[in-house]
Amino acid sequence: MSSSISSRQLRHRRLRKKVSGTSERPRLAIHFSGQHITAQVINDATGMTLASVHTTEKEFQHDKTARANAVTSTKVGQLIAERGLKRQIRKVVFDRGGFKYHGKVKALAEAARAAGFEF
């Protein structure tokens, strides 16, 4: 392995070997940068993004406390589930993007489950 590949990227590659989105169960993929959070519902069979949320959208522009933290993750989880449910998507597979399941990742996942997603 190359030293330029981070531990997170290695975990993500291992995870993606097993996790793939279909039309019946699309993939809920998340990513955290230093400042922003992205969540997408993706059908890997067709390569289409069915719903997405990013913290640079206007819903988050007025909130000066919106950053890549657990509080904002909860809001993103609720919003991605609402947008998915509008498109009749209830069941998804969760792709944590190689991030460990705690903190921000756990907050986003629990908020999406509470808002109606099943995974």
PDB file of N, CA and C in Angstrom:
ATOM      1  N   MET A   1       0.837  -1.177   0.000  1.00  0.00           N
ATOM      2  CA  MET A   1       0.000   0.000   0.000  1.00  0.00           C
ATOM      3  C   MET A   1       0.889   1.252   0.000  1.00  0.00           C
ATOM      4  N   SER A   2       0.413   2.231  -0.668  1.00  0.00           N
ATOM      5  CA  SER A   2       1.136   3.489  -0.734  1.00  0.00           C
ATOM      6  C   SER A   2       0.941   4.265   0.559  1.00  0.00           C
ATOM      7  N   SER A   3       1.936   4.991   0.966  1.00  0.00           N
ATOM      8  CA  SER A   3       1.837   5.767   2.203  1.00  0.00           C
ATOM      9  C   SER A   3       0.941   6.986   2.041  1.00  0.00           C
ATOM     10  N   SER A   4       0.559   7.319   0.783  1.00  0.00           N
ATOM     11  CA  SER A   4      -0.309   8.474   0.567  1.00  0.00           C
ATOM     12  C   SER A   4      -1.787   8.145   0.802  1.00  0.00           C
ATOM     13  N   ILE A   5      -2.103   6.862   0.981  1.00  0.00           N
ATOM     14  CA  ILE A   5      -3.485   6.460   1.237  1.00  0.00           C
ATOM     15  C   ILE A   5      -3.701   6.471   2.746  1.00  0.00           C
ATOM     16  N   SER A   6      -4.714   7.211   3.175  1.00  0.00           N
ATOM     17  CA  SER A   6      -4.978   7.326   4.603  1.00  0.00           C
ATOM     18  C   SER A   6      -5.706   6.091   5.117  1.00  0.00           C
ATOM     19  N   SER A   7      -5.758   5.953   6.419  1.00  0.00           N
ATOM     20  CA  SER A   7      -6.472   4.840   7.042  1.00  0.00           C
ATOM     21  C   SER A   7      -7.955   4.897   6.694  1.00  0.00           C
ATOM     22  N   ARG A   8      -8.508   6.104   6.649  1.00  0.00           N
ATOM     23  CA  ARG A   8      -9.912   6.259   6.299  1.00  0.00           C
ATOM     24  C   ARG A   8     -10.173   5.783   4.875  1.00  0.00           C
ATOM     25  N   GLN A   9      -9.290   6.117   3.961  1.00  0.00           N
ATOM     26  CA  GLN A   9      -9.466   5.686   2.575  1.00  0.00           C
ATOM     27  C   GLN A   9      -9.369   4.168   2.444  1.00  0.00           C
ATOM     28  N   LEU A  10      -8.483   3.544   3.221  1.00  0.00           N
ATOM     29  CA  LEU A  10      -8.383   2.086   3.203  1.00  0.00           C
ATOM     30  C   LEU A  10      -9.659   1.446   3.731  1.00  0.00           C
ATOM     31  N   ARG A  11     -10.196   1.985   4.826  1.00  0.00           N
ATOM     32  CA  ARG A  11     -11.452   1.463   5.364  1.00  0.00           C
ATOM     33  C   ARG A  11     -12.581   1.627   4.353  1.00  0.00           C
ATOM     34  N   HIS A  12     -12.593   2.776   3.653  1.00  0.00           N
ATOM     35  CA  HIS A  12     -13.647   3.022   2.674  1.00  0.00           C
ATOM     36  C   HIS A  12     -13.551   2.040   1.509  1.00  0.00           C
ATOM     37  N   ARG A  13     -12.358   1.746   1.048  1.00  0.00           N
ATOM     38  CA  ARG A  13     -12.192   0.782  -0.040  1.00  0.00           C
ATOM     39  C   ARG A  13     -12.679  -0.604   0.374  1.00  0.00           C
ATOM     40  N   ARG A  14     -12.348  -1.015   1.593  1.00  0.00           N
ATOM     41  CA  ARG A  14     -12.825  -2.309   2.102  1.00  0.00           C
ATOM     42  C   ARG A  14     -14.343  -2.334   2.174  1.00  0.00           C
ATOM     43  N   LEU A  15     -14.925  -1.239   2.660  1.00  0.00           N
ATOM     44  CA  LEU A  15     -16.369  -1.141   2.814  1.00  0.00           C
ATOM     45  C   LEU A  15     -17.081  -1.178   1.464  1.00  0.00           C
ATOM     46  N   ARG A  16     -16.536  -0.488   0.464  1.00  0.00           N
ATOM     47  CA  ARG A  16     -17.190  -0.390  -0.841  1.00  0.00           C
ATOM     48  C   ARG A  16     -17.168  -1.707  -1.604  1.00  0.00           C
ATOM     49  N   LYS A  17     -16.290  -2.652  -1.219  1.00  0.00           N
ATOM     50  CA  LYS A  17     -16.309  -3.970  -1.844  1.00  0.00           C
ATOM     51  C   LYS A  17     -17.614  -4.696  -1.533  1.00  0.00           C
ATOM     52  N   LYS A  18     -18.201  -4.400  -0.381  1.00  0.00           N
ATOM     53  CA  LYS A  18     -19.395  -5.089   0.078  1.00  0.00           C
ATOM     54  C   LYS A  18     -20.666  -4.259  -0.081  1.00  0.00           C
ATOM     55  N   VAL A  19     -20.569  -2.950  -0.003  1.00  0.00           N
ATOM     56  CA  VAL A  19     -21.744  -2.077   0.013  1.00  0.00           C
ATOM     57  C   VAL A  19     -21.949  -1.472  -1.370  1.00  0.00           C
ATOM     58  N   SER A  20     -23.141  -1.721  -1.931  1.00  0.00           N
ATOM     59  CA  SER A  20     -23.485  -1.157  -3.221  1.00  0.00           C
ATOM     60  C   SER A  20     -24.974  -0.837  -3.228  1.00  0.00           C
ATOM     61  N   GLY A  21     -25.345   0.261  -3.830  1.00  0.00           N
ATOM     62  CA  GLY A  21     -26.740   0.677  -3.875  1.00  0.00           C
ATOM     63  C   GLY A  21     -27.456   0.116  -5.090  1.00  0.00           C
ATOM     64  N   THR A  22     -28.704  -0.295  -4.899  1.00  0.00           N
ATOM     65  CA  THR A  22     -29.528  -0.791  -5.997  1.00  0.00           C
ATOM     66  C   THR A  22     -30.762   0.099  -6.110  1.00  0.00           C
ATOM     67  N   SER A  23     -31.628  -0.206  -7.051  1.00  0.00           N
ATOM     68  CA  SER A  23     -32.840   0.595  -7.182  1.00  0.00           C
ATOM     69  C   SER A  23     -33.777   0.343  -6.002  1.00  0.00           C
ATOM     70  N   GLU A  24     -33.753  -0.879  -5.433  1.00  0.00           N
ATOM     71  CA  GLU A  24     -34.592  -1.176  -4.269  1.00  0.00           C
ATOM     72  C   GLU A  24     -34.012  -0.594  -2.986  1.00  0.00           C
ATOM     73  N   ARG A  25     -32.686  -0.655  -2.847  1.00  0.00           N
ATOM     74  CA  ARG A  25     -31.996  -0.136  -1.662  1.00  0.00           C
ATOM     75  C   ARG A  25     -30.799   0.705  -2.108  1.00  0.00           C
ATOM     76  N   PRO A  26     -31.009   1.995  -2.361  1.00  0.00           N
ATOM     77  CA  PRO A  26     -29.874   2.835  -2.743  1.00  0.00           C
ATOM     78  C   PRO A  26     -28.916   3.045  -1.575  1.00  0.00           C
ATOM     79  N   ARG A  27     -27.746   3.538  -1.893  1.00  0.00           N
ATOM     80  CA  ARG A  27     -26.687   3.722  -0.897  1.00  0.00           C
ATOM     81  C   ARG A  27     -26.740   5.142  -0.342  1.00  0.00           C
ATOM     82  N   LEU A  28     -26.748   5.270   0.987  1.00  0.00           N
ATOM     83  CA  LEU A  28     -26.649   6.569   1.653  1.00  0.00           C
ATOM     84  C   LEU A  28     -25.178   6.796   1.960  1.00  0.00           C
ATOM     85  N   ALA A  29     -24.526   7.611   1.129  1.00  0.00           N
ATOM     86  CA  ALA A  29     -23.100   7.878   1.265  1.00  0.00           C
ATOM     87  C   ALA A  29     -22.900   9.217   1.963  1.00  0.00           C
ATOM     88  N   ILE A  30     -21.984   9.244   2.916  1.00  0.00           N
ATOM     89  CA  ILE A  30     -21.704  10.491   3.630  1.00  0.00           C
ATOM     90  C   ILE A  30     -20.223  10.822   3.523  1.00  0.00           C
ATOM     91  N   HIS A  31     -19.927  12.097   3.620  1.00  0.00           N
ATOM     92  CA  HIS A  31     -18.539  12.549   3.644  1.00  0.00           C
ATOM     93  C   HIS A  31     -18.429  13.786   4.519  1.00  0.00           C
ATOM     94  N   PHE A  32     -17.376  13.845   5.290  1.00  0.00           N
ATOM     95  CA  PHE A  32     -17.084  14.995   6.135  1.00  0.00           C
ATOM     96  C   PHE A  32     -15.752  15.569   5.708  1.00  0.00           C
ATOM     97  N   SER A  33     -15.748  16.847   5.321  1.00  0.00           N
ATOM     98  CA  SER A  33     -14.483  17.544   5.106  1.00  0.00           C
ATOM     99  C   SER A  33     -14.189  18.280   6.404  1.00  0.00           C
ATOM    100  N   GLY A  34     -13.204  19.117   6.415  1.00  0.00           N
ATOM    101  CA  GLY A  34     -12.899  19.856   7.631  1.00  0.00           C
ATOM    102  C   GLY A  34     -14.012  20.809   8.031  1.00  0.00           C
ATOM    103  N   GLN A  35     -14.748  21.338   7.039  1.00  0.00           N
ATOM    104  CA  GLN A  35     -15.764  22.345   7.315  1.00  0.00           C
ATOM    105  C   GLN A  35     -17.186  21.930   6.946  1.00  0.00           C
ATOM    106  N   HIS A  36     -17.343  20.974   6.043  1.00  0.00           N
ATOM    107  CA  HIS A  36     -18.664  20.694   5.489  1.00  0.00           C
ATOM    108  C   HIS A  36     -19.039  19.222   5.590  1.00  0.00           C
ATOM    109  N   ILE A  37     -20.336  18.963   5.414  1.00  0.00           N
ATOM    110  CA  ILE A  37     -20.888  17.619   5.441  1.00  0.00           C
ATOM    111  C   ILE A  37     -21.675  17.405   4.149  1.00  0.00           C
ATOM    112  N   THR A  38     -21.499  16.250   3.542  1.00  0.00           N
ATOM    113  CA  THR A  38     -22.238  15.879   2.353  1.00  0.00           C
ATOM    114  C   THR A  38     -22.920  14.539   2.599  1.00  0.00           C
ATOM    115  N   ALA A  39     -24.178  14.414   2.202  1.00  0.00           N
ATOM    116  CA  ALA A  39     -24.898  13.150   2.251  1.00  0.00           C
ATOM    117  C   ALA A  39     -25.618  12.979   0.926  1.00  0.00           C
ATOM    118  N   GLN A  40     -25.493  11.789   0.330  1.00  0.00           N
ATOM    119  CA  GLN A  40     -26.121  11.517  -0.957  1.00  0.00           C
ATOM    120  C   GLN A  40     -26.790  10.154  -0.917  1.00  0.00           C
ATOM    121  N   VAL A  41     -27.923  10.035  -1.578  1.00  0.00           N
ATOM    122  CA  VAL A  41     -28.588   8.752  -1.789  1.00  0.00           C
ATOM    123  C   VAL A  41     -28.319   8.392  -3.245  1.00  0.00           C
ATOM    124  N   ILE A  42     -27.594   7.277  -3.456  1.00  0.00           N
ATOM    125  CA  ILE A  42     -27.078   6.939  -4.783  1.00  0.00           C
ATOM    126  C   ILE A  42     -27.555   5.557  -5.210  1.00  0.00           C
ATOM    127  N   ASN A  43     -28.014   5.452  -6.460  1.00  0.00           N
ATOM    128  CA  ASN A  43     -28.300   4.170  -7.084  1.00  0.00           C
ATOM    129  C   ASN A  43     -27.059   3.800  -7.887  1.00  0.00           C
ATOM    130  N   ASP A  44     -26.258   2.857  -7.396  1.00  0.00           N
ATOM    131  CA  ASP A  44     -25.012   2.497  -8.071  1.00  0.00           C
ATOM    132  C   ASP A  44     -25.244   1.716  -9.362  1.00  0.00           C
ATOM    133  N   ALA A  45     -26.397   1.078  -9.509  1.00  0.00           N
ATOM    134  CA  ALA A  45     -26.687   0.329 -10.731  1.00  0.00           C
ATOM    135  C   ALA A  45     -26.768   1.269 -11.935  1.00  0.00           C
ATOM    136  N   THR A  46     -27.354   2.447 -11.742  1.00  0.00           N
ATOM    137  CA  THR A  46     -27.465   3.424 -12.833  1.00  0.00           C
ATOM    138  C   THR A  46     -26.466   4.563 -12.698  1.00  0.00           C
ATOM    139  N   GLY A  47     -25.826   4.676 -11.524  1.00  0.00           N
ATOM    140  CA  GLY A  47     -24.871   5.761 -11.308  1.00  0.00           C
ATOM    141  C   GLY A  47     -25.523   7.103 -11.077  1.00  0.00           C
ATOM    142  N   MET A  48     -26.763   7.093 -10.601  1.00  0.00           N
ATOM    143  CA  MET A  48     -27.490   8.346 -10.409  1.00  0.00           C
ATOM    144  C   MET A  48     -27.613   8.697  -8.937  1.00  0.00           C
ATOM    145  N   THR A  49     -27.472   9.985  -8.639  1.00  0.00           N
ATOM    146  CA  THR A  49     -27.740  10.497  -7.307  1.00  0.00           C
ATOM    147  C   THR A  49     -29.216  10.844  -7.233  1.00  0.00           C
ATOM    148  N   LEU A  50     -29.925  10.239  -6.281  1.00  0.00           N
ATOM    149  CA  LEU A  50     -31.368  10.421  -6.171  1.00  0.00           C
ATOM    150  C   LEU A  50     -31.740  11.576  -5.255  1.00  0.00           C
ATOM    151  N   ALA A  51     -30.931  11.820  -4.230  1.00  0.00           N
ATOM    152  CA  ALA A  51     -31.156  12.933  -3.302  1.00  0.00           C
ATOM    153  C   ALA A  51     -29.814  13.309  -2.694  1.00  0.00           C
ATOM    154  N   SER A  52     -29.659  14.573  -2.360  1.00  0.00           N
ATOM    155  CA  SER A  52     -28.400  14.990  -1.746  1.00  0.00           C
ATOM    156  C   SER A  52     -28.613  16.189  -0.831  1.00  0.00           C
ATOM    157  N   VAL A  53     -27.703  16.323   0.123  1.00  0.00           N
ATOM    158  CA  VAL A  53     -27.683  17.468   1.044  1.00  0.00           C
ATOM    159  C   VAL A  53     -26.225  17.851   1.244  1.00  0.00           C
ATOM    160  N   HIS A  54     -25.960  19.134   1.224  1.00  0.00           N
ATOM    161  CA  HIS A  54     -24.613  19.647   1.485  1.00  0.00           C
ATOM    162  C   HIS A  54     -24.751  20.896   2.345  1.00  0.00           C
ATOM    163  N   THR A  55     -23.825  21.092   3.231  1.00  0.00           N
ATOM    164  CA  THR A  55     -23.930  22.224   4.157  1.00  0.00           C
ATOM    165  C   THR A  55     -23.670  23.571   3.498  1.00  0.00           C
ATOM    166  N   THR A  56     -23.373  23.612   2.208  1.00  0.00           N
ATOM    167  CA  THR A  56     -23.249  24.890   1.518  1.00  0.00           C
ATOM    168  C   THR A  56     -24.573  25.339   0.905  1.00  0.00           C
ATOM    169  N   GLU A  57     -25.634  24.532   1.064  1.00  0.00           N
ATOM    170  CA  GLU A  57     -26.947  24.906   0.533  1.00  0.00           C
ATOM    171  C   GLU A  57     -27.542  26.057   1.324  1.00  0.00           C
ATOM    172  N   LYS A  58     -28.563  26.701   0.750  1.00  0.00           N
ATOM    173  CA  LYS A  58     -29.112  27.892   1.386  1.00  0.00           C
ATOM    174  C   LYS A  58     -29.830  27.600   2.699  1.00  0.00           C
ATOM    175  N   GLU A  59     -30.251  26.342   2.941  1.00  0.00           N
ATOM    176  CA  GLU A  59     -30.858  26.005   4.231  1.00  0.00           C
ATOM    177  C   GLU A  59     -29.874  26.193   5.382  1.00  0.00           C
ATOM    178  N   PHE A  60     -28.587  26.060   5.081  1.00  0.00           N
ATOM    179  CA  PHE A  60     -27.552  26.171   6.105  1.00  0.00           C
ATOM    180  C   PHE A  60     -26.825  27.512   6.069  1.00  0.00           C
ATOM    181  N   GLN A  61     -27.067  28.343   5.045  1.00  0.00           N
ATOM    182  CA  GLN A  61     -26.342  29.602   4.907  1.00  0.00           C
ATOM    183  C   GLN A  61     -26.636  30.590   6.025  1.00  0.00           C
ATOM    184  N   HIS A  62     -27.893  30.629   6.492  1.00  0.00           N
ATOM    185  CA  HIS A  62     -28.249  31.591   7.534  1.00  0.00           C
ATOM    186  C   HIS A  62     -27.718  31.169   8.906  1.00  0.00           C
ATOM    187  N   ASP A  63     -27.377  29.877   9.064  1.00  0.00           N
ATOM    188  CA  ASP A  63     -26.910  29.357  10.354  1.00  0.00           C
ATOM    189  C   ASP A  63     -25.390  29.486  10.428  1.00  0.00           C
ATOM    190  N   LYS A  64     -24.914  30.410  11.221  1.00  0.00           N
ATOM    191  CA  LYS A  64     -23.475  30.647  11.339  1.00  0.00           C
ATOM    192  C   LYS A  64     -22.770  29.559  12.141  1.00  0.00           C
ATOM    193  N   THR A  65     -23.542  28.709  12.839  1.00  0.00           N
ATOM    194  CA  THR A  65     -22.928  27.618  13.607  1.00  0.00           C
ATOM    195  C   THR A  65     -22.850  26.336  12.792  1.00  0.00           C
ATOM    196  N   ALA A  66     -23.272  26.362  11.519  1.00  0.00           N
ATOM    197  CA  ALA A  66     -23.236  25.166  10.671  1.00  0.00           C
ATOM    198  C   ALA A  66     -21.800  24.862  10.276  1.00  0.00           C
ATOM    199  N   ARG A  67     -21.284  23.785  10.814  1.00  0.00           N
ATOM    200  CA  ARG A  67     -19.943  23.294  10.480  1.00  0.00           C
ATOM    201  C   ARG A  67     -19.975  21.790  10.622  1.00  0.00           C
ATOM    202  N   ALA A  68     -18.883  21.140  10.363  1.00  0.00           N
ATOM    203  CA  ALA A  68     -18.848  19.676  10.401  1.00  0.00           C
ATOM    204  C   ALA A  68     -18.788  19.189  11.849  1.00  0.00           C
ATOM    205  N   ASN A  69     -19.946  19.246  12.531  1.00  0.00           N
ATOM    206  CA  ASN A  69     -20.019  18.752  13.910  1.00  0.00           C
ATOM    207  C   ASN A  69     -21.275  17.901  14.078  1.00  0.00           C
ATOM    208  N   ALA A  70     -21.477  17.367  15.270  1.00  0.00           N
ATOM    209  CA  ALA A  70     -22.592  16.448  15.512  1.00  0.00           C
ATOM    210  C   ALA A  70     -23.946  17.144  15.405  1.00  0.00           C
ATOM    211  N   VAL A  71     -24.031  18.403  15.812  1.00  0.00           N
ATOM    212  CA  VAL A  71     -25.304  19.129  15.740  1.00  0.00           C
ATOM    213  C   VAL A  71     -25.730  19.313  14.283  1.00  0.00           C
ATOM    214  N   THR A  72     -24.820  19.738  13.442  1.00  0.00           N
ATOM    215  CA  THR A  72     -25.119  19.911  12.024  1.00  0.00           C
ATOM    216  C   THR A  72     -25.363  18.558  11.359  1.00  0.00           C
ATOM    217  N   SER A  73     -24.652  17.515  11.797  1.00  0.00           N
ATOM    218  CA  SER A  73     -24.870  16.170  11.258  1.00  0.00           C
ATOM    219  C   SER A  73     -26.296  15.711  11.483  1.00  0.00           C
ATOM    220  N   THR A  74     -26.857  16.046  12.643  1.00  0.00           N
ATOM    221  CA  THR A  74     -28.240  15.686  12.937  1.00  0.00           C
ATOM    222  C   THR A  74     -29.184  16.370  11.958  1.00  0.00           C
ATOM    223  N   LYS A  75     -28.945  17.646  11.687  1.00  0.00           N
ATOM    224  CA  LYS A  75     -29.787  18.377  10.735  1.00  0.00           C
ATOM    225  C   LYS A  75     -29.670  17.801   9.326  1.00  0.00           C
ATOM    226  N   VAL A  76     -28.450  17.441   8.924  1.00  0.00           N
ATOM    227  CA  VAL A  76     -28.226  16.869   7.603  1.00  0.00           C
ATOM    228  C   VAL A  76     -28.919  15.510   7.501  1.00  0.00           C
ATOM    229  N   GLY A  77     -28.846  14.697   8.556  1.00  0.00           N
ATOM    230  CA  GLY A  77     -29.514  13.396   8.562  1.00  0.00           C
ATOM    231  C   GLY A  77     -31.019  13.513   8.414  1.00  0.00           C
ATOM    232  N   GLN A  78     -31.609  14.466   9.116  1.00  0.00           N
ATOM    233  CA  GLN A  78     -33.056  14.674   8.997  1.00  0.00           C
ATOM    234  C   GLN A  78     -33.427  15.137   7.594  1.00  0.00           C
ATOM    235  N   LEU A  79     -32.649  16.058   7.048  1.00  0.00           N
ATOM    236  CA  LEU A  79     -32.954  16.622   5.734  1.00  0.00           C
ATOM    237  C   LEU A  79     -32.785  15.599   4.614  1.00  0.00           C
ATOM    238  N   ILE A  80     -31.750  14.754   4.682  1.00  0.00           N
ATOM    239  CA  ILE A  80     -31.555  13.746   3.627  1.00  0.00           C
ATOM    240  C   ILE A  80     -32.667  12.708   3.679  1.00  0.00           C
ATOM    241  N   ALA A  81     -33.138  12.373   4.876  1.00  0.00           N
ATOM    242  CA  ALA A  81     -34.244  11.423   4.987  1.00  0.00           C
ATOM    243  C   ALA A  81     -35.537  12.030   4.431  1.00  0.00           C
ATOM    244  N   GLU A  82     -35.788  13.300   4.722  1.00  0.00           N
ATOM    245  CA  GLU A  82     -36.983  13.966   4.185  1.00  0.00           C
ATOM    246  C   GLU A  82     -36.953  13.990   2.661  1.00  0.00           C
ATOM    247  N   ARG A  83     -35.799  14.313   2.089  1.00  0.00           N
ATOM    248  CA  ARG A  83     -35.682  14.374   0.633  1.00  0.00           C
ATOM    249  C   ARG A  83     -35.798  12.985   0.012  1.00  0.00           C
ATOM    250  N   GLY A  84     -35.268  11.983   0.690  1.00  0.00           N
ATOM    251  CA  GLY A  84     -35.401  10.615   0.198  1.00  0.00           C
ATOM    252  C   GLY A  84     -36.835  10.136   0.253  1.00  0.00           C
ATOM    253  N   LEU A  85     -37.532  10.458   1.329  1.00  0.00           N
ATOM    254  CA  LEU A  85     -38.922  10.030   1.470  1.00  0.00           C
ATOM    255  C   LEU A  85     -39.825  10.694   0.431  1.00  0.00           C
ATOM    256  N   LYS A  86     -39.492  11.918   0.015  1.00  0.00           N
ATOM    257  CA  LYS A  86     -40.249  12.580  -1.047  1.00  0.00           C
ATOM    258  C   LYS A  86     -40.145  11.813  -2.363  1.00  0.00           C
ATOM    259  N   ARG A  87     -39.032  11.096  -2.539  1.00  0.00           N
ATOM    260  CA  ARG A  87     -38.821  10.302  -3.753  1.00  0.00           C
ATOM    261  C   ARG A  87     -39.181   8.835  -3.535  1.00  0.00           C
ATOM    262  N   GLN A  88     -39.958   8.550  -2.472  1.00  0.00           N
ATOM    263  CA  GLN A  88     -40.419   7.203  -2.124  1.00  0.00           C
ATOM    264  C   GLN A  88     -39.262   6.245  -1.836  1.00  0.00           C
ATOM    265  N   ILE A  89     -38.217   6.740  -1.185  1.00  0.00           N
ATOM    266  CA  ILE A  89     -37.094   5.907  -0.774  1.00  0.00           C
ATOM    267  C   ILE A  89     -37.183   5.747   0.737  1.00  0.00           C
ATOM    268  N   ARG A  90     -37.337   4.505   1.203  1.00  0.00           N
ATOM    269  CA  ARG A  90     -37.391   4.226   2.640  1.00  0.00           C
ATOM    270  C   ARG A  90     -36.194   3.407   3.097  1.00  0.00           C
ATOM    271  N   LYS A  91     -35.807   2.403   2.304  1.00  0.00           N
ATOM    272  CA  LYS A  91     -34.727   1.505   2.685  1.00  0.00           C
ATOM    273  C   LYS A  91     -33.453   1.883   1.947  1.00  0.00           C
ATOM    274  N   VAL A  92     -32.376   2.038   2.692  1.00  0.00           N
ATOM    275  CA  VAL A  92     -31.075   2.371   2.123  1.00  0.00           C
ATOM    276  C   VAL A  92     -30.008   1.500   2.781  1.00  0.00           C
ATOM    277  N   VAL A  93     -28.841   1.427   2.141  1.00  0.00           N
ATOM    278  CA  VAL A  93     -27.668   0.837   2.769  1.00  0.00           C
ATOM    279  C   VAL A  93     -26.765   1.994   3.159  1.00  0.00           C
ATOM    280  N   PHE A  94     -26.168   1.910   4.328  1.00  0.00           N
ATOM    281  CA  PHE A  94     -25.400   3.026   4.885  1.00  0.00           C
ATOM    282  C   PHE A  94     -23.930   2.866   4.538  1.00  0.00           C
ATOM    283  N   ASP A  95     -23.386   3.844   3.835  1.00  0.00           N
ATOM    284  CA  ASP A  95     -21.965   3.904   3.497  1.00  0.00           C
ATOM    285  C   ASP A  95     -21.359   5.024   4.324  1.00  0.00           C
ATOM    286  N   ARG A  96     -20.627   4.648   5.362  1.00  0.00           N
ATOM    287  CA  ARG A  96     -20.079   5.649   6.276  1.00  0.00           C
ATOM    288  C   ARG A  96     -18.806   6.295   5.739  1.00  0.00           C
ATOM    289  N   GLY A  97     -18.408   5.946   4.532  1.00  0.00           N
ATOM    290  CA  GLY A  97     -17.289   6.604   3.877  1.00  0.00           C
ATOM    291  C   GLY A  97     -15.937   6.330   4.510  1.00  0.00           C
ATOM    292  N   GLY A  98     -15.813   5.239   5.248  1.00  0.00           N
ATOM    293  CA  GLY A  98     -14.558   4.917   5.910  1.00  0.00           C
ATOM    294  C   GLY A  98     -14.396   5.598   7.252  1.00  0.00           C
ATOM    295  N   PHE A  99     -15.338   6.448   7.613  1.00  0.00           N
ATOM    296  CA  PHE A  99     -15.287   7.112   8.913  1.00  0.00           C
ATOM    297  C   PHE A  99     -15.765   6.135   9.977  1.00  0.00           C
ATOM    298  N   LYS A 100     -15.190   6.203  11.152  1.00  0.00           N
ATOM    299  CA  LYS A 100     -15.603   5.320  12.235  1.00  0.00           C
ATOM    300  C   LYS A 100     -16.993   5.719  12.722  1.00  0.00           C
ATOM    301  N   TYR A 101     -17.768   4.720  13.152  1.00  0.00           N
ATOM    302  CA  TYR A 101     -19.157   4.947  13.527  1.00  0.00           C
ATOM    303  C   TYR A 101     -19.239   5.471  14.962  1.00  0.00           C
ATOM    304  N   HIS A 102     -19.023   6.752  15.127  1.00  0.00           N
ATOM    305  CA  HIS A 102     -19.221   7.437  16.401  1.00  0.00           C
ATOM    306  C   HIS A 102     -19.261   8.921  16.122  1.00  0.00           C
ATOM    307  N   GLY A 103     -19.717   9.683  17.086  1.00  0.00           N
ATOM    308  CA  GLY A 103     -19.735  11.139  16.946  1.00  0.00           C
ATOM    309  C   GLY A 103     -20.634  11.615  15.821  1.00  0.00           C
ATOM    310  N   LYS A 104     -20.032  12.309  14.842  1.00  0.00           N
ATOM    311  CA  LYS A 104     -20.787  12.912  13.744  1.00  0.00           C
ATOM    312  C   LYS A 104     -21.490  11.875  12.889  1.00  0.00           C
ATOM    313  N   VAL A 105     -20.815  10.772  12.628  1.00  0.00           N
ATOM    314  CA  VAL A 105     -21.383   9.726  11.777  1.00  0.00           C
ATOM    315  C   VAL A 105     -22.596   9.097  12.463  1.00  0.00           C
ATOM    316  N   LYS A 106     -22.455   8.806  13.737  1.00  0.00           N
ATOM    317  CA  LYS A 106     -23.545   8.205  14.504  1.00  0.00           C
ATOM    318  C   LYS A 106     -24.729   9.170  14.599  1.00  0.00           C
ATOM    319  N   ALA A 107     -24.464  10.457  14.814  1.00  0.00           N
ATOM    320  CA  ALA A 107     -25.530  11.457  14.910  1.00  0.00           C
ATOM    321  C   ALA A 107     -26.302  11.547  13.604  1.00  0.00           C
ATOM    322  N   LEU A 108     -25.602  11.545  12.458  1.00  0.00           N
ATOM    323  CA  LEU A 108     -26.268  11.609  11.162  1.00  0.00           C
ATOM    324  C   LEU A 108     -27.105  10.356  10.928  1.00  0.00           C
ATOM    325  N   ALA A 109     -26.555   9.194  11.234  1.00  0.00           N
ATOM    326  CA  ALA A 109     -27.269   7.935  11.006  1.00  0.00           C
ATOM    327  C   ALA A 109     -28.529   7.842  11.872  1.00  0.00           C
ATOM    328  N   GLU A 110     -28.418   8.200  13.139  1.00  0.00           N
ATOM    329  CA  GLU A 110     -29.574   8.120  14.038  1.00  0.00           C
ATOM    330  C   GLU A 110     -30.661   9.122  13.646  1.00  0.00           C
ATOM    331  N   ALA A 111     -30.260  10.304  13.182  1.00  0.00           N
ATOM    332  CA  ALA A 111     -31.239  11.297  12.745  1.00  0.00           C
ATOM    333  C   ALA A 111     -31.961  10.826  11.480  1.00  0.00           C
ATOM    334  N   ALA A 112     -31.238  10.204  10.563  1.00  0.00           N
ATOM    335  CA  ALA A 112     -31.860   9.692   9.343  1.00  0.00           C
ATOM    336  C   ALA A 112     -32.820   8.564   9.673  1.00  0.00           C
ATOM    337  N   ARG A 113     -32.452   7.698  10.621  1.00  0.00           N
ATOM    338  CA  ARG A 113     -33.349   6.615  11.032  1.00  0.00           C
ATOM    339  C   ARG A 113     -34.602   7.177  11.694  1.00  0.00           C
ATOM    340  N   ALA A 114     -34.432   8.166  12.549  1.00  0.00           N
ATOM    341  CA  ALA A 114     -35.573   8.766  13.246  1.00  0.00           C
ATOM    342  C   ALA A 114     -36.517   9.463  12.267  1.00  0.00           C
ATOM    343  N   ALA A 115     -35.978   9.995  11.175  1.00  0.00           N
ATOM    344  CA  ALA A 115     -36.798  10.706  10.195  1.00  0.00           C
ATOM    345  C   ALA A 115     -37.469   9.768   9.198  1.00  0.00           C
ATOM    346  N   GLY A 116     -37.132   8.456   9.234  1.00  0.00           N
ATOM    347  CA  GLY A 116     -37.856   7.527   8.381  1.00  0.00           C
ATOM    348  C   GLY A 116     -37.045   6.575   7.544  1.00  0.00           C
ATOM    349  N   PHE A 117     -35.728   6.735   7.457  1.00  0.00           N
ATOM    350  CA  PHE A 117     -34.914   5.795   6.692  1.00  0.00           C
ATOM    351  C   PHE A 117     -34.743   4.498   7.472  1.00  0.00           C
ATOM    352  N   GLU A 118     -34.679   3.387   6.743  1.00  0.00           N
ATOM    353  CA  GLU A 118     -34.420   2.080   7.341  1.00  0.00           C
ATOM    354  C   GLU A 118     -33.102   1.561   6.796  1.00  0.00           C
ATOM    355  N   PHE A 119     -32.153   1.296   7.715  1.00  0.00           N
ATOM    356  CA  PHE A 119     -30.890   0.642   7.339  1.00  0.00           C
ATOM    357  C   PHE A 119     -30.275  -0.013   8.529  1.00  0.00           C
TER     358      PHE A 119
END
